[in-house]
Amino acid sequence: NAVLGSWKASMNLAEYLNQGIAQEDAMAAEYLSVDSFYLTMVLTFKED
């Protein structure tokens, strides 16, 4: 009952984006690094 309903979390995934760029192209990573990439996840728990 305590967790039922919808919950939202804003997460900064910039670190993972930067890591992905670096793994594919180290040179590109030097140019395309970002400080923020915020996405909001919606987590919903239902009675069933």
ModelCIF file with pLDDT and N, C-alpha, C, O atoms, coordinates in Angstrom:
data_MODEL
#
_entry.id   MODEL 
#
_entity.id                         1 
_entity.type                       polymer 
_entity.pdbx_number_of_molecules   1 
#
_entity_poly.entity_id                      1 
_entity_poly.type                           'polypeptide(L)' 
_entity_poly.nstd_linkage                   no 
_entity_poly.nstd_monomer                   no 
_entity_poly.pdbx_seq_one_letter_code       NAVLGSWKASMNLAEYLNQGIAQEDAMAAEYLSVDSFYLTMVLTFKED 
_entity_poly.pdbx_seq_one_letter_code_can   NAVLGSWKASMNLAEYLNQGIAQEDAMAAEYLSVDSFYLTMVLTFKED 
_entity_poly.pdbx_strand_id                 A 
#
loop_
_entity_poly_seq.entity_id 
_entity_poly_seq.num 
_entity_poly_seq.mon_id 
_entity_poly_seq.hetero 
1 1  ASN n 
1 2  ALA n 
1 3  VAL n 
1 4  LEU n 
1 5  GLY n 
1 6  SER n 
1 7  TRP n 
1 8  LYS n 
1 9  ALA n 
1 10 SER n 
1 11 MET n 
1 12 ASN n 
1 13 LEU n 
1 14 ALA n 
1 15 GLU n 
1 16 TYR n 
1 17 LEU n 
1 18 ASN n 
1 19 GLN n 
1 20 GLY n 
1 21 ILE n 
1 22 ALA n 
1 23 GLN n 
1 24 GLU n 
1 25 ASP n 
1 26 ALA n 
1 27 MET n 
1 28 ALA n 
1 29 ALA n 
1 30 GLU n 
1 31 TYR n 
1 32 LEU n 
1 33 SER n 
1 34 VAL n 
1 35 ASP n 
1 36 SER n 
1 37 PHE n 
1 38 TYR n 
1 39 LEU n 
1 40 THR n 
1 41 MET n 
1 42 VAL n 
1 43 LEU n 
1 44 THR n 
1 45 PHE n 
1 46 LYS n 
1 47 GLU n 
1 48 ASP n 
#
_struct_asym.id          A 
_struct_asym.entity_id   1 
#
loop_
_ma_qa_metric.id 
_ma_qa_metric.mode 
_ma_qa_metric.name 
_ma_qa_metric.software_group_id 
_ma_qa_metric.type 
1 global pLDDT . pLDDT 
2 local  pLDDT . pLDDT 
#
_ma_qa_metric_global.metric_id      1 
_ma_qa_metric_global.metric_value   90.48 
_ma_qa_metric_global.model_id       1 
_ma_qa_metric_global.ordinal_id     1 
#
loop_
_ma_qa_metric_local.label_asym_id 
_ma_qa_metric_local.label_comp_id 
_ma_qa_metric_local.label_seq_id 
_ma_qa_metric_local.metric_id 
_ma_qa_metric_local.metric_value 
_ma_qa_metric_local.model_id 
_ma_qa_metric_local.ordinal_id 
A ASN 1  2 90.00 1 1  
A ALA 2  2 91.00 1 2  
A VAL 3  2 93.00 1 3  
A LEU 4  2 94.00 1 4  
A GLY 5  2 95.00 1 5  
A SER 6  2 96.00 1 6  
A TRP 7  2 97.00 1 7  
A LYS 8  2 96.00 1 8  
A ALA 9  2 94.00 1 9  
A SER 10 2 93.00 1 10 
A MET 11 2 89.00 1 11 
A ASN 12 2 90.00 1 12 
A LEU 13 2 86.00 1 13 
A ALA 14 2 89.00 1 14 
A GLU 15 2 86.00 1 15 
A TYR 16 2 81.00 1 16 
A LEU 17 2 84.00 1 17 
A ASN 18 2 88.00 1 18 
A GLN 19 2 86.00 1 19 
A GLY 20 2 82.00 1 20 
A ILE 21 2 84.00 1 21 
A ALA 22 2 89.00 1 22 
A GLN 23 2 87.00 1 23 
A GLU 24 2 84.00 1 24 
A ASP 25 2 86.00 1 25 
A ALA 26 2 88.00 1 26 
A MET 27 2 87.00 1 27 
A ALA 28 2 87.00 1 28 
A ALA 29 2 90.00 1 29 
A GLU 30 2 91.00 1 30 
A TYR 31 2 93.00 1 31 
A LEU 32 2 90.00 1 32 
A SER 33 2 89.00 1 33 
A VAL 34 2 91.00 1 34 
A ASP 35 2 90.00 1 35 
A SER 36 2 92.00 1 36 
A PHE 37 2 91.00 1 37 
A TYR 38 2 94.00 1 38 
A LEU 39 2 92.00 1 39 
A THR 40 2 94.00 1 40 
A MET 41 2 92.00 1 41 
A VAL 42 2 94.00 1 42 
A LEU 43 2 93.00 1 43 
A THR 44 2 95.00 1 44 
A PHE 45 2 95.00 1 45 
A LYS 46 2 96.00 1 46 
A GLU 47 2 94.00 1 47 
A ASP 48 2 95.00 1 48 
#
loop_
_atom_site.group_PDB 
_atom_site.id 
_atom_site.type_symbol 
_atom_site.label_atom_id 
_atom_site.label_alt_id 
_atom_site.label_comp_id 
_atom_site.label_asym_id 
_atom_site.label_entity_id 
_atom_site.label_seq_id 
_atom_site.pdbx_PDB_ins_code 
_atom_site.Cartn_x 
_atom_site.Cartn_y 
_atom_site.Cartn_z 
_atom_site.occupancy 
_atom_site.B_iso_or_equiv 
_atom_site.pdbx_formal_charge 
_atom_site.auth_seq_id 
_atom_site.auth_comp_id 
_atom_site.auth_asym_id 
_atom_site.auth_atom_id 
_atom_site.pdbx_PDB_model_num 
ATOM 1   N N  . ASN A 1 1  ? 0.820  -1.207 0.000   1.00 90.00 ? 1  ASN A N  1 
ATOM 2   C CA . ASN A 1 1  ? 0.000  0.000  0.000   1.00 90.00 ? 1  ASN A CA 1 
ATOM 3   C C  . ASN A 1 1  ? 0.858  1.263  0.000   1.00 90.00 ? 1  ASN A C  1 
ATOM 4   O O  . ASN A 1 1  ? 0.486  2.280  -0.585  1.00 90.00 ? 1  ASN A O  1 
ATOM 5   N N  . ALA A 1 2  ? 2.005  1.183  0.662   1.00 91.00 ? 2  ALA A N  1 
ATOM 6   C CA . ALA A 1 2  ? 2.879  2.354  0.768   1.00 91.00 ? 2  ALA A CA 1 
ATOM 7   C C  . ALA A 1 2  ? 3.473  2.744  -0.573  1.00 91.00 ? 2  ALA A C  1 
ATOM 8   O O  . ALA A 1 2  ? 3.754  3.919  -0.808  1.00 91.00 ? 2  ALA A O  1 
ATOM 9   N N  . VAL A 1 3  ? 3.669  1.762  -1.462  1.00 93.00 ? 3  VAL A N  1 
ATOM 10  C CA . VAL A 1 3  ? 4.314  2.069  -2.744  1.00 93.00 ? 3  VAL A CA 1 
ATOM 11  C C  . VAL A 1 3  ? 3.328  2.198  -3.901  1.00 93.00 ? 3  VAL A C  1 
ATOM 12  O O  . VAL A 1 3  ? 3.715  2.605  -4.996  1.00 93.00 ? 3  VAL A O  1 
ATOM 13  N N  . LEU A 1 4  ? 2.051  1.855  -3.673  1.00 94.00 ? 4  LEU A N  1 
ATOM 14  C CA . LEU A 1 4  ? 1.081  1.933  -4.759  1.00 94.00 ? 4  LEU A CA 1 
ATOM 15  C C  . LEU A 1 4  ? 0.986  3.352  -5.321  1.00 94.00 ? 4  LEU A C  1 
ATOM 16  O O  . LEU A 1 4  ? 1.093  4.339  -4.593  1.00 94.00 ? 4  LEU A O  1 
ATOM 17  N N  . GLY A 1 5  ? 0.784  3.421  -6.624  1.00 95.00 ? 5  GLY A N  1 
ATOM 18  C CA . GLY A 1 5  ? 0.661  4.707  -7.292  1.00 95.00 ? 5  GLY A CA 1 
ATOM 19  C C  . GLY A 1 5  ? 1.822  4.973  -8.224  1.00 95.00 ? 5  GLY A C  1 
ATOM 20  O O  . GLY A 1 5  ? 2.642  4.093  -8.489  1.00 95.00 ? 5  GLY A O  1 
ATOM 21  N N  . SER A 1 6  ? 1.880  6.188  -8.715  1.00 96.00 ? 6  SER A N  1 
ATOM 22  C CA . SER A 1 6  ? 2.933  6.573  -9.659  1.00 96.00 ? 6  SER A CA 1 
ATOM 23  C C  . SER A 1 6  ? 3.970  7.454  -8.980  1.00 96.00 ? 6  SER A C  1 
ATOM 24  O O  . SER A 1 6  ? 3.641  8.319  -8.168  1.00 96.00 ? 6  SER A O  1 
ATOM 25  N N  . TRP A 1 7  ? 5.228  7.216  -9.327  1.00 97.00 ? 7  TRP A N  1 
ATOM 26  C CA . TRP A 1 7  ? 6.364  7.938  -8.765  1.00 97.00 ? 7  TRP A CA 1 
ATOM 27  C C  . TRP A 1 7  ? 7.256  8.426  -9.894  1.00 97.00 ? 7  TRP A C  1 
ATOM 28  O O  . TRP A 1 7  ? 7.422  7.749  -10.909 1.00 97.00 ? 7  TRP A O  1 
ATOM 29  N N  . LYS A 1 8  ? 7.828  9.607  -9.705  1.00 96.00 ? 8  LYS A N  1 
ATOM 30  C CA . LYS A 1 8  ? 8.707  10.163 -10.729 1.00 96.00 ? 8  LYS A CA 1 
ATOM 31  C C  . LYS A 1 8  ? 10.080 10.463 -10.151 1.00 96.00 ? 8  LYS A C  1 
ATOM 32  O O  . LYS A 1 8  ? 10.209 10.919 -9.015  1.00 96.00 ? 8  LYS A O  1 
ATOM 33  N N  . ALA A 1 9  ? 11.109 10.196 -10.962 1.00 94.00 ? 9  ALA A N  1 
ATOM 34  C CA . ALA A 1 9  ? 12.481 10.524 -10.567 1.00 94.00 ? 9  ALA A CA 1 
ATOM 35  C C  . ALA A 1 9  ? 13.192 11.145 -11.757 1.00 94.00 ? 9  ALA A C  1 
ATOM 36  O O  . ALA A 1 9  ? 13.155 10.606 -12.863 1.00 94.00 ? 9  ALA A O  1 
ATOM 37  N N  . SER A 1 10 ? 13.839 12.279 -11.527 1.00 93.00 ? 10 SER A N  1 
ATOM 38  C CA . SER A 1 10 ? 14.643 12.936 -12.560 1.00 93.00 ? 10 SER A CA 1 
ATOM 39  C C  . SER A 1 10 ? 16.095 12.532 -12.359 1.00 93.00 ? 10 SER A C  1 
ATOM 40  O O  . SER A 1 10 ? 16.671 12.761 -11.296 1.00 93.00 ? 10 SER A O  1 
ATOM 41  N N  . MET A 1 11 ? 16.686 11.923 -13.395 1.00 89.00 ? 11 MET A N  1 
ATOM 42  C CA . MET A 1 11 ? 18.040 11.395 -13.286 1.00 89.00 ? 11 MET A CA 1 
ATOM 43  C C  . MET A 1 11 ? 18.949 12.000 -14.341 1.00 89.00 ? 11 MET A C  1 
ATOM 44  O O  . MET A 1 11 ? 18.589 12.080 -15.516 1.00 89.00 ? 11 MET A O  1 
ATOM 45  N N  . ASN A 1 12 ? 20.116 12.420 -13.917 1.00 90.00 ? 12 ASN A N  1 
ATOM 46  C CA . ASN A 1 12 ? 21.102 12.981 -14.829 1.00 90.00 ? 12 ASN A CA 1 
ATOM 47  C C  . ASN A 1 12 ? 21.971 11.855 -15.378 1.00 90.00 ? 12 ASN A C  1 
ATOM 48  O O  . ASN A 1 12 ? 22.797 11.291 -14.659 1.00 90.00 ? 12 ASN A O  1 
ATOM 49  N N  . LEU A 1 13 ? 21.783 11.533 -16.644 1.00 86.00 ? 13 LEU A N  1 
ATOM 50  C CA . LEU A 1 13 ? 22.503 10.432 -17.278 1.00 86.00 ? 13 LEU A CA 1 
ATOM 51  C C  . LEU A 1 13 ? 23.665 10.921 -18.136 1.00 86.00 ? 13 LEU A C  1 
ATOM 52  O O  . LEU A 1 13 ? 24.142 10.196 -19.010 1.00 86.00 ? 13 LEU A O  1 
ATOM 53  N N  . ALA A 1 14 ? 24.122 12.151 -17.889 1.00 89.00 ? 14 ALA A N  1 
ATOM 54  C CA . ALA A 1 14 ? 25.221 12.707 -18.680 1.00 89.00 ? 14 ALA A CA 1 
ATOM 55  C C  . ALA A 1 14 ? 26.473 11.848 -18.587 1.00 89.00 ? 14 ALA A C  1 
ATOM 56  O O  . ALA A 1 14 ? 27.159 11.642 -19.588 1.00 89.00 ? 14 ALA A O  1 
ATOM 57  N N  . GLU A 1 15 ? 26.776 11.347 -17.397 1.00 86.00 ? 15 GLU A N  1 
ATOM 58  C CA . GLU A 1 15 ? 27.988 10.543 -17.217 1.00 86.00 ? 15 GLU A CA 1 
ATOM 59  C C  . GLU A 1 15 ? 27.971 9.314  -18.108 1.00 86.00 ? 15 GLU A C  1 
ATOM 60  O O  . GLU A 1 15 ? 28.991 8.943  -18.688 1.00 86.00 ? 15 GLU A O  1 
ATOM 61  N N  . TYR A 1 16 ? 26.802 8.681  -18.214 1.00 81.00 ? 16 TYR A N  1 
ATOM 62  C CA . TYR A 1 16 ? 26.690 7.470  -19.019 1.00 81.00 ? 16 TYR A CA 1 
ATOM 63  C C  . TYR A 1 16 ? 26.710 7.783  -20.510 1.00 81.00 ? 16 TYR A C  1 
ATOM 64  O O  . TYR A 1 16 ? 27.215 6.998  -21.312 1.00 81.00 ? 16 TYR A O  1 
ATOM 65  N N  . LEU A 1 17 ? 26.153 8.943  -20.875 1.00 84.00 ? 17 LEU A N  1 
ATOM 66  C CA . LEU A 1 17 ? 26.231 9.384  -22.265 1.00 84.00 ? 17 LEU A CA 1 
ATOM 67  C C  . LEU A 1 17 ? 27.681 9.647  -22.645 1.00 84.00 ? 17 LEU A C  1 
ATOM 68  O O  . LEU A 1 17 ? 28.132 9.226  -23.710 1.00 84.00 ? 17 LEU A O  1 
ATOM 69  N N  . ASN A 1 18 ? 28.411 10.341 -21.779 1.00 88.00 ? 18 ASN A N  1 
ATOM 70  C CA . ASN A 1 18 ? 29.827 10.638 -22.043 1.00 88.00 ? 18 ASN A CA 1 
ATOM 71  C C  . ASN A 1 18 ? 30.647 9.350  -22.140 1.00 88.00 ? 18 ASN A C  1 
ATOM 72  O O  . ASN A 1 18 ? 31.523 9.229  -22.995 1.00 88.00 ? 18 ASN A O  1 
ATOM 73  N N  . GLN A 1 19 ? 30.359 8.399  -21.265 1.00 86.00 ? 19 GLN A N  1 
ATOM 74  C CA . GLN A 1 19 ? 31.079 7.129  -21.298 1.00 86.00 ? 19 GLN A CA 1 
ATOM 75  C C  . GLN A 1 19 ? 30.813 6.385  -22.599 1.00 86.00 ? 19 GLN A C  1 
ATOM 76  O O  . GLN A 1 19 ? 31.721 5.790  -23.180 1.00 86.00 ? 19 GLN A O  1 
ATOM 77  N N  . GLY A 1 20 ? 29.563 6.421  -23.053 1.00 82.00 ? 20 GLY A N  1 
ATOM 78  C CA . GLY A 1 20 ? 29.228 5.742  -24.303 1.00 82.00 ? 20 GLY A CA 1 
ATOM 79  C C  . GLY A 1 20 ? 29.931 6.350  -25.494 1.00 82.00 ? 20 GLY A C  1 
ATOM 80  O O  . GLY A 1 20 ? 30.396 5.632  -26.379 1.00 82.00 ? 20 GLY A O  1 
ATOM 81  N N  . ILE A 1 21 ? 30.014 7.685  -25.523 1.00 84.00 ? 21 ILE A N  1 
ATOM 82  C CA . ILE A 1 21 ? 30.715 8.360  -26.612 1.00 84.00 ? 21 ILE A CA 1 
ATOM 83  C C  . ILE A 1 21 ? 32.192 7.997  -26.578 1.00 84.00 ? 21 ILE A C  1 
ATOM 84  O O  . ILE A 1 21 ? 32.789 7.707  -27.614 1.00 84.00 ? 21 ILE A O  1 
ATOM 85  N N  . ALA A 1 22 ? 32.787 8.014  -25.376 1.00 89.00 ? 22 ALA A N  1 
ATOM 86  C CA . ALA A 1 22 ? 34.213 7.729  -25.236 1.00 89.00 ? 22 ALA A CA 1 
ATOM 87  C C  . ALA A 1 22 ? 34.552 6.311  -25.667 1.00 89.00 ? 22 ALA A C  1 
ATOM 88  O O  . ALA A 1 22 ? 35.608 6.076  -26.256 1.00 89.00 ? 22 ALA A O  1 
ATOM 89  N N  . GLN A 1 23 ? 33.663 5.363  -25.379 1.00 87.00 ? 23 GLN A N  1 
ATOM 90  C CA . GLN A 1 23 ? 33.905 3.972  -25.749 1.00 87.00 ? 23 GLN A CA 1 
ATOM 91  C C  . GLN A 1 23 ? 33.879 3.780  -27.255 1.00 87.00 ? 23 GLN A C  1 
ATOM 92  O O  . GLN A 1 23 ? 34.593 2.933  -27.792 1.00 87.00 ? 23 GLN A O  1 
ATOM 93  N N  . GLU A 1 24 ? 33.056 4.565  -27.936 1.00 84.00 ? 24 GLU A N  1 
ATOM 94  C CA . GLU A 1 24 ? 32.943 4.421  -29.388 1.00 84.00 ? 24 GLU A CA 1 
ATOM 95  C C  . GLU A 1 24 ? 33.971 5.257  -30.145 1.00 84.00 ? 24 GLU A C  1 
ATOM 96  O O  . GLU A 1 24 ? 34.477 4.841  -31.187 1.00 84.00 ? 24 GLU A O  1 
ATOM 97  N N  . ASP A 1 25 ? 34.275 6.443  -29.610 1.00 86.00 ? 25 ASP A N  1 
ATOM 98  C CA . ASP A 1 25 ? 35.179 7.354  -30.321 1.00 86.00 ? 25 ASP A CA 1 
ATOM 99  C C  . ASP A 1 25 ? 35.830 8.267  -29.295 1.00 86.00 ? 25 ASP A C  1 
ATOM 100 O O  . ASP A 1 25 ? 35.246 9.271  -28.886 1.00 86.00 ? 25 ASP A O  1 
ATOM 101 N N  . ALA A 1 26 ? 37.055 7.911  -28.876 1.00 88.00 ? 26 ALA A N  1 
ATOM 102 C CA . ALA A 1 26 ? 37.749 8.682  -27.839 1.00 88.00 ? 26 ALA A CA 1 
ATOM 103 C C  . ALA A 1 26 ? 37.987 10.117 -28.281 1.00 88.00 ? 26 ALA A C  1 
ATOM 104 O O  . ALA A 1 26 ? 37.904 11.040 -27.471 1.00 88.00 ? 26 ALA A O  1 
ATOM 105 N N  . MET A 1 27 ? 38.279 10.308 -29.546 1.00 87.00 ? 27 MET A N  1 
ATOM 106 C CA . MET A 1 27 ? 38.519 11.661 -30.045 1.00 87.00 ? 27 MET A CA 1 
ATOM 107 C C  . MET A 1 27 ? 37.244 12.496 -29.975 1.00 87.00 ? 27 MET A C  1 
ATOM 108 O O  . MET A 1 27 ? 37.277 13.650 -29.548 1.00 87.00 ? 27 MET A O  1 
ATOM 109 N N  . ALA A 1 28 ? 36.127 11.917 -30.390 1.00 87.00 ? 28 ALA A N  1 
ATOM 110 C CA . ALA A 1 28 ? 34.852 12.641 -30.353 1.00 87.00 ? 28 ALA A CA 1 
ATOM 111 C C  . ALA A 1 28 ? 34.486 13.017 -28.923 1.00 87.00 ? 28 ALA A C  1 
ATOM 112 O O  . ALA A 1 28 ? 33.887 14.066 -28.688 1.00 87.00 ? 28 ALA A O  1 
ATOM 113 N N  . ALA A 1 29 ? 34.844 12.164 -27.970 1.00 90.00 ? 29 ALA A N  1 
ATOM 114 C CA . ALA A 1 29 ? 34.516 12.426 -26.569 1.00 90.00 ? 29 ALA A CA 1 
ATOM 115 C C  . ALA A 1 29 ? 35.153 13.708 -26.061 1.00 90.00 ? 29 ALA A C  1 
ATOM 116 O O  . ALA A 1 29 ? 34.620 14.361 -25.164 1.00 90.00 ? 29 ALA A O  1 
ATOM 117 N N  . GLU A 1 30 ? 36.303 14.070 -26.641 1.00 91.00 ? 30 GLU A N  1 
ATOM 118 C CA . GLU A 1 30 ? 36.980 15.301 -26.236 1.00 91.00 ? 30 GLU A CA 1 
ATOM 119 C C  . GLU A 1 30 ? 36.191 16.544 -26.648 1.00 91.00 ? 30 GLU A C  1 
ATOM 120 O O  . GLU A 1 30 ? 36.361 17.617 -26.070 1.00 91.00 ? 30 GLU A O  1 
ATOM 121 N N  . TYR A 1 31 ? 35.335 16.388 -27.644 1.00 93.00 ? 31 TYR A N  1 
ATOM 122 C CA . TYR A 1 31 ? 34.577 17.517 -28.168 1.00 93.00 ? 31 TYR A CA 1 
ATOM 123 C C  . TYR A 1 31 ? 33.121 17.527 -27.694 1.00 93.00 ? 31 TYR A C  1 
ATOM 124 O O  . TYR A 1 31 ? 32.505 18.589 -27.604 1.00 93.00 ? 31 TYR A O  1 
ATOM 125 N N  . LEU A 1 32 ? 32.578 16.366 -27.397 1.00 90.00 ? 32 LEU A N  1 
ATOM 126 C CA . LEU A 1 32 ? 31.129 16.248 -27.217 1.00 90.00 ? 32 LEU A CA 1 
ATOM 127 C C  . LEU A 1 32 ? 30.697 15.964 -25.783 1.00 90.00 ? 32 LEU A C  1 
ATOM 128 O O  . LEU A 1 32 ? 29.570 15.525 -25.556 1.00 90.00 ? 32 LEU A O  1 
ATOM 129 N N  . SER A 1 33 ? 31.560 16.201 -24.831 1.00 89.00 ? 33 SER A N  1 
ATOM 130 C CA . SER A 1 33 ? 31.214 15.961 -23.435 1.00 89.00 ? 33 SER A CA 1 
ATOM 131 C C  . SER A 1 33 ? 30.096 16.902 -22.980 1.00 89.00 ? 33 SER A C  1 
ATOM 132 O O  . SER A 1 33 ? 30.081 18.081 -23.332 1.00 89.00 ? 33 SER A O  1 
ATOM 133 N N  . VAL A 1 34 ? 29.158 16.362 -22.191 1.00 91.00 ? 34 VAL A N  1 
ATOM 134 C CA . VAL A 1 34 ? 28.042 17.170 -21.678 1.00 91.00 ? 34 VAL A CA 1 
ATOM 135 C C  . VAL A 1 34 ? 27.985 17.063 -20.158 1.00 91.00 ? 34 VAL A C  1 
ATOM 136 O O  . VAL A 1 34 ? 28.448 16.083 -19.576 1.00 91.00 ? 34 VAL A O  1 
ATOM 137 N N  . ASP A 1 35 ? 27.414 18.078 -19.528 1.00 90.00 ? 35 ASP A N  1 
ATOM 138 C CA . ASP A 1 35 ? 27.301 18.103 -18.067 1.00 90.00 ? 35 ASP A CA 1 
ATOM 139 C C  . ASP A 1 35 ? 25.954 17.616 -17.571 1.00 90.00 ? 35 ASP A C  1 
ATOM 140 O O  . ASP A 1 35 ? 25.828 17.176 -16.429 1.00 90.00 ? 35 ASP A O  1 
ATOM 141 N N  . SER A 1 36 ? 24.950 17.696 -18.426 1.00 92.00 ? 36 SER A N  1 
ATOM 142 C CA . SER A 1 36 ? 23.616 17.285 -17.976 1.00 92.00 ? 36 SER A CA 1 
ATOM 143 C C  . SER A 1 36 ? 22.829 16.635 -19.102 1.00 92.00 ? 36 SER A C  1 
ATOM 144 O O  . SER A 1 36 ? 22.878 17.062 -20.255 1.00 92.00 ? 36 SER A O  1 
ATOM 145 N N  . PHE A 1 37 ? 22.107 15.592 -18.732 1.00 91.00 ? 37 PHE A N  1 
ATOM 146 C CA . PHE A 1 37 ? 21.168 14.942 -19.639 1.00 91.00 ? 37 PHE A CA 1 
ATOM 147 C C  . PHE A 1 37 ? 20.085 14.319 -18.747 1.00 91.00 ? 37 PHE A C  1 
ATOM 148 O O  . PHE A 1 37 ? 20.124 13.131 -18.425 1.00 91.00 ? 37 PHE A O  1 
ATOM 149 N N  . TYR A 1 38 ? 19.131 15.151 -18.368 1.00 94.00 ? 38 TYR A N  1 
ATOM 150 C CA . TYR A 1 38 ? 18.122 14.740 -17.393 1.00 94.00 ? 38 TYR A CA 1 
ATOM 151 C C  . TYR A 1 38 ? 16.918 14.094 -18.065 1.00 94.00 ? 38 TYR A C  1 
ATOM 152 O O  . TYR A 1 38 ? 16.315 14.661 -18.976 1.00 94.00 ? 38 TYR A O  1 
ATOM 153 N N  . LEU A 1 39 ? 16.584 12.902 -17.600 1.00 92.00 ? 39 LEU A N  1 
ATOM 154 C CA . LEU A 1 39 ? 15.394 12.202 -18.044 1.00 92.00 ? 39 LEU A CA 1 
ATOM 155 C C  . LEU A 1 39 ? 14.546 11.870 -16.821 1.00 92.00 ? 39 LEU A C  1 
ATOM 156 O O  . LEU A 1 39 ? 15.075 11.584 -15.747 1.00 92.00 ? 39 LEU A O  1 
ATOM 157 N N  . THR A 1 40 ? 13.231 11.911 -16.993 1.00 94.00 ? 40 THR A N  1 
ATOM 158 C CA . THR A 1 40 ? 12.314 11.608 -15.895 1.00 94.00 ? 40 THR A CA 1 
ATOM 159 C C  . THR A 1 40 ? 11.709 10.234 -16.087 1.00 94.00 ? 40 THR A C  1 
ATOM 160 O O  . THR A 1 40 ? 11.040 9.976  -17.087 1.00 94.00 ? 40 THR A O  1 
ATOM 161 N N  . MET A 1 41 ? 11.944 9.347  -15.124 1.00 92.00 ? 41 MET A N  1 
ATOM 162 C CA . MET A 1 41 ? 11.364 8.015  -15.135 1.00 92.00 ? 41 MET A CA 1 
ATOM 163 C C  . MET A 1 41 ? 10.076 8.019  -14.322 1.00 92.00 ? 41 MET A C  1 
ATOM 164 O O  . MET A 1 41 ? 10.025 8.589  -13.232 1.00 92.00 ? 41 MET A O  1 
ATOM 165 N N  . VAL A 1 42 ? 9.037  7.382  -14.855 1.00 94.00 ? 42 VAL A N  1 
ATOM 166 C CA . VAL A 1 42 ? 7.761  7.258  -14.149 1.00 94.00 ? 42 VAL A CA 1 
ATOM 167 C C  . VAL A 1 42 ? 7.561  5.788  -13.793 1.00 94.00 ? 42 VAL A C  1 
ATOM 168 O O  . VAL A 1 42 ? 7.461  4.931  -14.671 1.00 94.00 ? 42 VAL A O  1 
ATOM 169 N N  . LEU A 1 43 ? 7.504  5.514  -12.509 1.00 93.00 ? 43 LEU A N  1 
ATOM 170 C CA . LEU A 1 43 ? 7.383  4.162  -11.980 1.00 93.00 ? 43 LEU A CA 1 
ATOM 171 C C  . LEU A 1 43 ? 6.009  4.024  -11.338 1.00 93.00 ? 43 LEU A C  1 
ATOM 172 O O  . LEU A 1 43 ? 5.699  4.755  -10.398 1.00 93.00 ? 43 LEU A O  1 
ATOM 173 N N  . THR A 1 44 ? 5.174  3.098  -11.829 1.00 95.00 ? 44 THR A N  1 
ATOM 174 C CA . THR A 1 44 ? 3.805  2.953  -11.333 1.00 95.00 ? 44 THR A CA 1 
ATOM 175 C C  . THR A 1 44 ? 3.568  1.545  -10.801 1.00 95.00 ? 44 THR A C  1 
ATOM 176 O O  . THR A 1 44 ? 3.783  0.559  -11.506 1.00 95.00 ? 44 THR A O  1 
ATOM 177 N N  . PHE A 1 45 ? 3.124  1.460  -9.548  1.00 95.00 ? 45 PHE A N  1 
ATOM 178 C CA . PHE A 1 45 ? 2.778  0.193  -8.919  1.00 95.00 ? 45 PHE A CA 1 
ATOM 179 C C  . PHE A 1 45 ? 1.264  0.103  -8.790  1.00 95.00 ? 45 PHE A C  1 
ATOM 180 O O  . PHE A 1 45 ? 0.612  1.032  -8.313  1.00 95.00 ? 45 PHE A O  1 
ATOM 181 N N  . LYS A 1 46 ? 0.707  -1.047 -9.228  1.00 96.00 ? 46 LYS A N  1 
ATOM 182 C CA . LYS A 1 46 ? -0.745 -1.195 -9.310  1.00 96.00 ? 46 LYS A CA 1 
ATOM 183 C C  . LYS A 1 46 ? -1.274 -2.205 -8.294  1.00 96.00 ? 46 LYS A C  1 
ATOM 184 O O  . LYS A 1 46 ? -0.528 -3.031 -7.767  1.00 96.00 ? 46 LYS A O  1 
ATOM 185 N N  . GLU A 1 47 ? -2.583 -2.119 -8.032  1.00 94.00 ? 47 GLU A N  1 
ATOM 186 C CA . GLU A 1 47 ? -3.231 -2.995 -7.059  1.00 94.00 ? 47 GLU A CA 1 
ATOM 187 C C  . GLU A 1 47 ? -3.093 -4.472 -7.407  1.00 94.00 ? 47 GLU A C  1 
ATOM 188 O O  . GLU A 1 47 ? -3.070 -5.320 -6.515  1.00 94.00 ? 47 GLU A O  1 
ATOM 189 N N  . ASP A 1 48 ? -3.002 -4.783 -8.693  1.00 95.00 ? 48 ASP A N  1 
ATOM 190 C CA . ASP A 1 48 ? -2.933 -6.186 -9.126  1.00 95.00 ? 48 ASP A CA 1 
ATOM 191 C C  . ASP A 1 48 ? -1.515 -6.748 -9.071  1.00 95.00 ? 48 ASP A C  1 
ATOM 192 O O  . ASP A 1 48 ? -1.300 -7.913 -9.405  1.00 95.00 ? 48 ASP A O  1 
#
